[in-house]
Amino acid sequence: VHKKHPLDAWVFVNDTLAFSGIEFLESNVTKKNCPEIIGFDNTPSSAQIGLTSYDFDIPRLCRLAVQSYLRPDDSRRVHGRMIGVEGKLVVRDFSLRIR
């Protein structure tokens, strides 16, 4: 990590790995050097502990997948060949228990 631009966030591929990162940081890092932790699937567990996480809007994604499977011609007519589903960053106030 460059001294002028210290690492200020760890973004994990999912919330479960973010929880592992939290455990690591709580026992190995001082509060002064601690990066922000961000998960990547907005599970109920992340909400419980207040972890910031990315929400993929899974219910909408599933509805579109089922619609595309059941009515492929309608789906292509409405959405074209590619369907985009916007997610959002759910920012929560999480605080690590660090020395």
C-alpha atoms as a PDB file:
ATOM      1  CA  VAL A   1       0.000   0.000   0.000  1.00  0.00           C
ATOM      2  CA  HIS A   2       1.334   3.390  -0.959  1.00  0.00           C
ATOM      3  CA  LYS A   3       2.095   5.662   2.026  1.00  0.00           C
ATOM      4  CA  LYS A   4       0.475   8.726   0.449  1.00  0.00           C
ATOM      5  CA  HIS A   5      -2.712   6.797  -0.350  1.00  0.00           C
ATOM      6  CA  PRO A   6      -3.339   4.266   2.400  1.00  0.00           C
ATOM      7  CA  LEU A   7      -5.889   1.517   1.927  1.00  0.00           C
ATOM      8  CA  ASP A   8      -9.183   2.831   3.267  1.00  0.00           C
ATOM      9  CA  ALA A   9     -11.690   0.092   2.331  1.00  0.00           C
ATOM     10  CA  TRP A  10     -11.907  -3.653   1.835  1.00  0.00           C
ATOM     11  CA  VAL A  11     -14.719  -4.746  -0.491  1.00  0.00           C
ATOM     12  CA  PHE A  12     -15.510  -8.450  -0.198  1.00  0.00           C
ATOM     13  CA  VAL A  13     -17.226 -10.638  -2.813  1.00  0.00           C
ATOM     14  CA  ASN A  14     -20.000 -11.433  -0.338  1.00  0.00           C
ATOM     15  CA  ASP A  15     -21.109 -10.665   3.208  1.00  0.00           C
ATOM     16  CA  THR A  16     -19.871 -13.999   4.599  1.00  0.00           C
ATOM     17  CA  LEU A  17     -16.285 -13.207   3.588  1.00  0.00           C
ATOM     18  CA  ALA A  18     -16.728  -9.669   4.920  1.00  0.00           C
ATOM     19  CA  PHE A  19     -17.538 -11.196   8.321  1.00  0.00           C
ATOM     20  CA  SER A  20     -14.244 -13.114   8.138  1.00  0.00           C
ATOM     21  CA  GLY A  21     -12.463  -9.875   7.285  1.00  0.00           C
ATOM     22  CA  ILE A  22     -14.066  -8.240  10.309  1.00  0.00           C
ATOM     23  CA  GLU A  23     -12.799 -11.036  12.574  1.00  0.00           C
ATOM     24  CA  PHE A  24      -9.294 -10.647  11.139  1.00  0.00           C
ATOM     25  CA  LEU A  25      -9.257  -6.879  11.560  1.00  0.00           C
ATOM     26  CA  GLU A  26     -10.636  -6.980  15.091  1.00  0.00           C
ATOM     27  CA  SER A  27      -7.673  -9.058  16.224  1.00  0.00           C
ATOM     28  CA  ASN A  28      -4.880  -7.708  13.981  1.00  0.00           C
ATOM     29  CA  VAL A  29      -5.330  -3.994  13.281  1.00  0.00           C
ATOM     30  CA  THR A  30      -5.373  -0.814  15.311  1.00  0.00           C
ATOM     31  CA  LYS A  31      -8.302   1.576  14.960  1.00  0.00           C
ATOM     32  CA  LYS A  32      -6.019   4.185  13.345  1.00  0.00           C
ATOM     33  CA  ASN A  33      -5.114   1.844  10.447  1.00  0.00           C
ATOM     34  CA  CYS A  34      -8.472   0.140  10.021  1.00  0.00           C
ATOM     35  CA  PRO A  35     -10.120   0.169   6.576  1.00  0.00           C
ATOM     36  CA  GLU A  36     -13.873   0.342   5.996  1.00  0.00           C
ATOM     37  CA  ILE A  37     -15.455  -3.094   5.417  1.00  0.00           C
ATOM     38  CA  ILE A  38     -18.041  -3.522   2.655  1.00  0.00           C
ATOM     39  CA  GLY A  39     -19.951  -6.703   1.818  1.00  0.00           C
ATOM     40  CA  PHE A  40     -21.502  -7.594  -1.505  1.00  0.00           C
ATOM     41  CA  ASP A  41     -24.903  -9.250  -1.250  1.00  0.00           C
ATOM     42  CA  ASN A  42     -26.833  -7.472   1.522  1.00  0.00           C
ATOM     43  CA  THR A  43     -27.810 -10.494   3.585  1.00  0.00           C
ATOM     44  CA  PRO A  44     -30.046 -10.214   6.669  1.00  0.00           C
ATOM     45  CA  SER A  45     -26.910 -10.840   8.773  1.00  0.00           C
ATOM     46  CA  SER A  46     -25.253  -7.727   7.357  1.00  0.00           C
ATOM     47  CA  ALA A  47     -28.327  -5.712   8.337  1.00  0.00           C
ATOM     48  CA  GLN A  48     -28.233  -7.192  11.844  1.00  0.00           C
ATOM     49  CA  ILE A  49     -24.688  -6.058  12.542  1.00  0.00           C
ATOM     50  CA  GLY A  50     -24.883  -2.851  10.521  1.00  0.00           C
ATOM     51  CA  LEU A  51     -22.451  -3.817   7.727  1.00  0.00           C
ATOM     52  CA  THR A  52     -22.492  -1.684   4.565  1.00  0.00           C
ATOM     53  CA  SER A  53     -23.272  -4.000   1.640  1.00  0.00           C
ATOM     54  CA  TYR A  54     -24.229  -3.937  -2.028  1.00  0.00           C
ATOM     55  CA  ASP A  55     -27.816  -5.038  -2.770  1.00  0.00           C
ATOM     56  CA  PHE A  56     -28.359  -6.712  -6.157  1.00  0.00           C
ATOM     57  CA  ASP A  57     -32.186  -6.517  -5.988  1.00  0.00           C
ATOM     58  CA  ILE A  58     -32.383 -10.307  -6.144  1.00  0.00           C
ATOM     59  CA  PRO A  59     -36.225 -10.438  -6.124  1.00  0.00           C
ATOM     60  CA  ARG A  60     -36.393  -8.337  -9.318  1.00  0.00           C
ATOM     61  CA  LEU A  61     -33.555 -10.304 -10.892  1.00  0.00           C
ATOM     62  CA  CYS A  62     -35.418 -13.569 -10.199  1.00  0.00           C
ATOM     63  CA  ARG A  63     -38.707 -12.229 -11.593  1.00  0.00           C
ATOM     64  CA  LEU A  64     -36.991 -11.140 -14.800  1.00  0.00           C
ATOM     65  CA  ALA A  65     -35.221 -14.500 -15.134  1.00  0.00           C
ATOM     66  CA  VAL A  66     -38.508 -16.412 -14.763  1.00  0.00           C
ATOM     67  CA  GLN A  67     -40.278 -14.073 -17.207  1.00  0.00           C
ATOM     68  CA  SER A  68     -37.478 -14.506 -19.724  1.00  0.00           C
ATOM     69  CA  TYR A  69     -37.692 -18.277 -19.397  1.00  0.00           C
ATOM     70  CA  LEU A  70     -41.490 -18.522 -19.570  1.00  0.00           C
ATOM     71  CA  ARG A  71     -42.018 -15.885 -22.272  1.00  0.00           C
ATOM     72  CA  PRO A  72     -38.753 -15.381 -24.141  1.00  0.00           C
ATOM     73  CA  ASP A  73     -40.365 -13.580 -27.104  1.00  0.00           C
ATOM     74  CA  ASP A  74     -42.160 -11.064 -24.867  1.00  0.00           C
ATOM     75  CA  SER A  75     -39.030 -10.525 -22.826  1.00  0.00           C
ATOM     76  CA  ARG A  76     -36.876  -9.834 -25.905  1.00  0.00           C
ATOM     77  CA  ARG A  77     -39.492  -7.456 -27.301  1.00  0.00           C
ATOM     78  CA  VAL A  78     -39.634  -5.442 -24.046  1.00  0.00           C
ATOM     79  CA  HIS A  79     -35.990  -5.614 -22.916  1.00  0.00           C
ATOM     80  CA  GLY A  80     -33.968  -6.481 -25.992  1.00  0.00           C
ATOM     81  CA  ARG A  81     -31.170  -9.036 -25.784  1.00  0.00           C
ATOM     82  CA  MET A  82     -29.763  -7.733 -22.516  1.00  0.00           C
ATOM     83  CA  ILE A  83     -31.516  -6.887 -19.264  1.00  0.00           C
ATOM     84  CA  GLY A  84     -29.878  -4.660 -16.693  1.00  0.00           C
ATOM     85  CA  VAL A  85     -30.885  -4.711 -13.048  1.00  0.00           C
ATOM     86  CA  GLU A  86     -29.628  -1.824 -10.959  1.00  0.00           C
ATOM     87  CA  GLY A  87     -28.500  -2.506  -7.448  1.00  0.00           C
ATOM     88  CA  LYS A  88     -27.610  -0.106  -4.690  1.00  0.00           C
ATOM     89  CA  LEU A  89     -25.087   0.352  -1.926  1.00  0.00           C
ATOM     90  CA  VAL A  90     -26.837   0.036   1.433  1.00  0.00           C
ATOM     91  CA  VAL A  91     -24.768   2.194   3.762  1.00  0.00           C
ATOM     92  CA  ARG A  92     -24.963   1.274   7.424  1.00  0.00           C
ATOM     93  CA  ASP A  93     -23.188   2.517  10.509  1.00  0.00           C
ATOM     94  CA  PHE A  94     -20.927  -0.387  11.435  1.00  0.00           C
ATOM     95  CA  SER A  95     -18.169  -0.043  13.962  1.00  0.00           C
ATOM     96  CA  LEU A  96     -15.419  -2.629  14.450  1.00  0.00           C
ATOM     97  CA  ARG A  97     -14.509  -3.631  17.992  1.00  0.00           C
ATOM     98  CA  ILE A  98     -10.851  -2.680  17.647  1.00  0.00           C
ATOM     99  CA  ARG A  99      -8.293  -1.719  20.227  1.00  0.00           C
END
